[in-house]
Amino acid sequence: MLTRWIVATVHLLALPIGLGSVWARARALSGPLDGAGLKRVLAADNVWGVAALLWLGTGLWRAFGGLEKGTSYYLANPFFHAKMGLFILLLLLELWPMVTFIRWRIQLARGRAVDPAPAKAFARISYVEAVLVVLMVFWAAAMARGMGI
């Protein structure tokens, strides 16, 4: 019982962490990308990554680790499939920014300048990802209320 409670709490706490960080990343990408601006972008991106790991780890544990309603409940629920579809879309959207930010970190560590050309596109992607996170909450709430079964 205690484990279920703690894992569910961590899963839910990832929401404000992730939503706040992806929004902060979008805002930082929309501003000047000088040294301080790049630090803001990469710091927000780090927190976004932590939130994603928390969601993924606790979500898999909850759905498939015997903590919650059981794997068969989730796999039979269309709201779970919709939520996972949004999650996959979010991951696909994140591929380009993630790879680019890794390259930026490497370039900055070597004392090289980064190419900020995709920053505006990454800001738009981050805003879309924030909306997807909110939509995922709607599907999660539907699942929690037994809808779809």
Protein backbone atom coordinates (compact mmCIF):
# COMPACT_ATOMS: atom_id res chain seq x y z
CA MET A 1 0.00 0.00 0.00
CA LEU A 2 2.77 2.45 0.94
CA THR A 3 4.69 1.68 -2.26
CA ARG A 4 1.58 2.30 -4.40
CA TRP A 5 1.05 5.62 -2.66
CA ILE A 6 4.66 6.79 -3.04
CA VAL A 7 4.96 5.72 -6.69
CA ALA A 8 1.64 7.37 -7.56
CA THR A 9 2.72 10.55 -5.75
CA VAL A 10 6.03 10.70 -7.62
CA HIS A 11 4.20 10.08 -10.89
CA LEU A 12 1.84 12.97 -10.18
CA LEU A 13 4.59 15.30 -8.93
CA ALA A 14 6.33 14.86 -12.27
CA LEU A 15 3.43 16.79 -13.83
CA PRO A 16 4.24 20.26 -12.44
CA ILE A 17 7.95 19.56 -12.81
CA GLY A 18 7.58 18.57 -16.46
CA LEU A 19 4.99 21.14 -17.43
CA GLY A 20 6.91 23.97 -15.78
CA SER A 21 10.22 22.94 -17.28
CA VAL A 22 9.00 22.47 -20.86
CA TRP A 23 7.25 25.85 -20.64
CA ALA A 24 10.42 27.45 -19.23
CA ARG A 25 12.43 25.87 -22.03
CA ALA A 26 10.05 27.30 -24.63
CA ARG A 27 10.30 30.76 -23.06
CA ALA A 28 14.10 30.56 -22.88
CA LEU A 29 14.28 29.46 -26.53
CA SER A 30 12.15 32.47 -27.47
CA GLY A 31 14.59 34.87 -25.84
CA PRO A 32 18.18 35.80 -26.58
CA LEU A 33 20.51 32.82 -26.83
CA ASP A 34 23.58 34.40 -25.35
CA GLY A 35 25.53 32.54 -22.67
CA ALA A 36 22.88 33.12 -19.99
CA GLY A 37 20.05 32.29 -22.38
CA LEU A 38 21.66 29.00 -23.39
CA LYS A 39 22.15 28.11 -19.73
CA ARG A 40 18.44 28.71 -19.13
CA VAL A 41 17.49 26.54 -22.12
CA LEU A 42 19.73 23.67 -21.10
CA ALA A 43 18.80 23.86 -17.41
CA ALA A 44 15.09 23.72 -18.25
CA ASP A 45 15.80 20.88 -20.69
CA ASN A 46 17.59 18.94 -17.93
CA VAL A 47 14.57 19.26 -15.64
CA TRP A 48 12.26 18.27 -18.52
CA GLY A 49 14.39 15.15 -18.96
CA VAL A 50 14.16 14.32 -15.25
CA ALA A 51 10.36 14.67 -15.39
CA ALA A 52 10.25 12.38 -18.42
CA LEU A 53 12.29 9.74 -16.59
CA LEU A 54 10.02 10.02 -13.55
CA TRP A 55 6.90 9.64 -15.71
CA LEU A 56 8.30 6.74 -17.65
CA GLY A 57 9.70 4.85 -14.67
CA THR A 58 6.74 5.30 -12.37
CA GLY A 59 4.20 4.91 -15.17
CA LEU A 60 5.63 1.59 -16.30
CA TRP A 61 5.82 0.42 -12.71
CA ARG A 62 2.22 1.43 -12.04
CA ALA A 63 0.80 -0.08 -15.22
CA PHE A 64 2.88 -3.25 -15.49
CA GLY A 65 4.41 -3.80 -12.06
CA GLY A 66 1.29 -4.91 -10.24
CA LEU A 67 0.85 -1.70 -8.26
CA GLU A 68 -2.44 -0.42 -9.60
CA LYS A 69 -5.44 -1.82 -11.45
CA GLY A 70 -3.43 -4.43 -13.32
CA THR A 71 -1.96 -4.72 -16.78
CA SER A 72 -5.14 -6.15 -18.30
CA TYR A 73 -7.12 -3.09 -17.15
CA TYR A 74 -4.72 -0.69 -18.85
CA LEU A 75 -4.30 -2.69 -22.04
CA ALA A 76 -8.08 -2.97 -22.45
CA ASN A 77 -8.71 0.73 -21.82
CA PRO A 78 -8.97 2.99 -24.91
CA PHE A 79 -8.06 6.02 -22.78
CA PHE A 80 -4.78 4.30 -21.90
CA HIS A 81 -4.12 3.77 -25.61
CA ALA A 82 -4.95 7.41 -26.31
CA LYS A 83 -2.65 8.55 -23.52
CA MET A 84 0.17 6.34 -24.80
CA GLY A 85 -0.44 7.64 -28.33
CA LEU A 86 0.06 11.19 -27.07
CA PHE A 87 3.16 10.07 -25.17
CA ILE A 88 4.62 8.52 -28.33
CA LEU A 89 3.82 11.69 -30.27
CA LEU A 90 5.55 13.71 -27.55
CA LEU A 91 8.62 11.46 -27.76
CA LEU A 92 8.74 11.80 -31.55
CA LEU A 93 8.47 15.58 -31.29
CA GLU A 94 11.26 15.58 -28.71
CA LEU A 95 13.79 13.67 -30.83
CA TRP A 96 15.06 16.66 -32.84
CA PRO A 97 15.40 19.04 -29.87
CA MET A 98 16.95 16.32 -27.68
CA VAL A 99 19.63 15.42 -30.21
CA THR A 100 20.33 19.08 -30.92
CA PHE A 101 20.62 19.98 -27.22
CA ILE A 102 23.05 17.09 -26.70
CA ARG A 103 25.14 18.48 -29.56
CA TRP A 104 24.91 21.98 -28.08
CA ARG A 105 26.17 20.69 -24.73
CA ILE A 106 29.12 19.00 -26.43
CA GLN A 107 29.93 22.11 -28.47
CA LEU A 108 29.72 24.38 -25.42
CA ALA A 109 31.95 22.02 -23.41
CA ARG A 110 34.54 22.31 -26.21
CA GLY A 111 34.27 26.09 -26.17
CA ARG A 112 32.51 26.27 -29.51
CA ALA A 113 29.49 28.33 -30.48
CA VAL A 114 26.14 26.68 -31.17
CA ASP A 115 23.88 27.27 -34.13
CA PRO A 116 20.71 28.84 -32.65
CA ALA A 117 18.79 28.65 -35.97
CA PRO A 118 16.33 25.96 -34.82
CA ALA A 119 15.54 27.72 -31.52
CA LYS A 120 12.20 29.18 -32.65
CA ALA A 121 11.07 25.79 -33.97
CA PHE A 122 12.12 24.18 -30.69
CA ALA A 123 10.13 26.79 -28.76
CA ARG A 124 7.02 25.93 -30.79
CA ILE A 125 7.65 22.21 -30.29
CA SER A 126 7.98 22.79 -26.53
CA TYR A 127 4.65 24.62 -26.40
CA VAL A 128 3.00 21.78 -28.32
CA GLU A 129 4.54 19.29 -25.89
CA ALA A 130 3.08 21.26 -22.97
CA VAL A 131 -0.37 20.95 -24.54
CA LEU A 132 0.15 17.21 -25.06
CA VAL A 133 1.04 16.80 -21.38
CA VAL A 134 -2.20 18.53 -20.39
CA LEU A 135 -4.20 16.32 -22.77
CA MET A 136 -2.53 13.25 -21.28
CA VAL A 137 -3.84 14.33 -17.88
CA PHE A 138 -7.39 14.34 -19.26
CA TRP A 139 -6.99 10.77 -20.50
CA ALA A 140 -5.37 9.71 -17.21
CA ALA A 141 -8.29 11.19 -15.26
CA ALA A 142 -10.72 9.29 -17.48
CA MET A 143 -8.85 6.04 -16.79
CA ALA A 144 -8.78 6.72 -13.05
CA ARG A 145 -12.58 7.16 -13.11
CA GLY A 146 -13.07 3.79 -14.82
CA MET A 147 -14.09 5.28 -18.15
CA GLY A 148 -13.45 3.20 -21.25
CA ILE A 149 -13.99 -0.16 -19.56
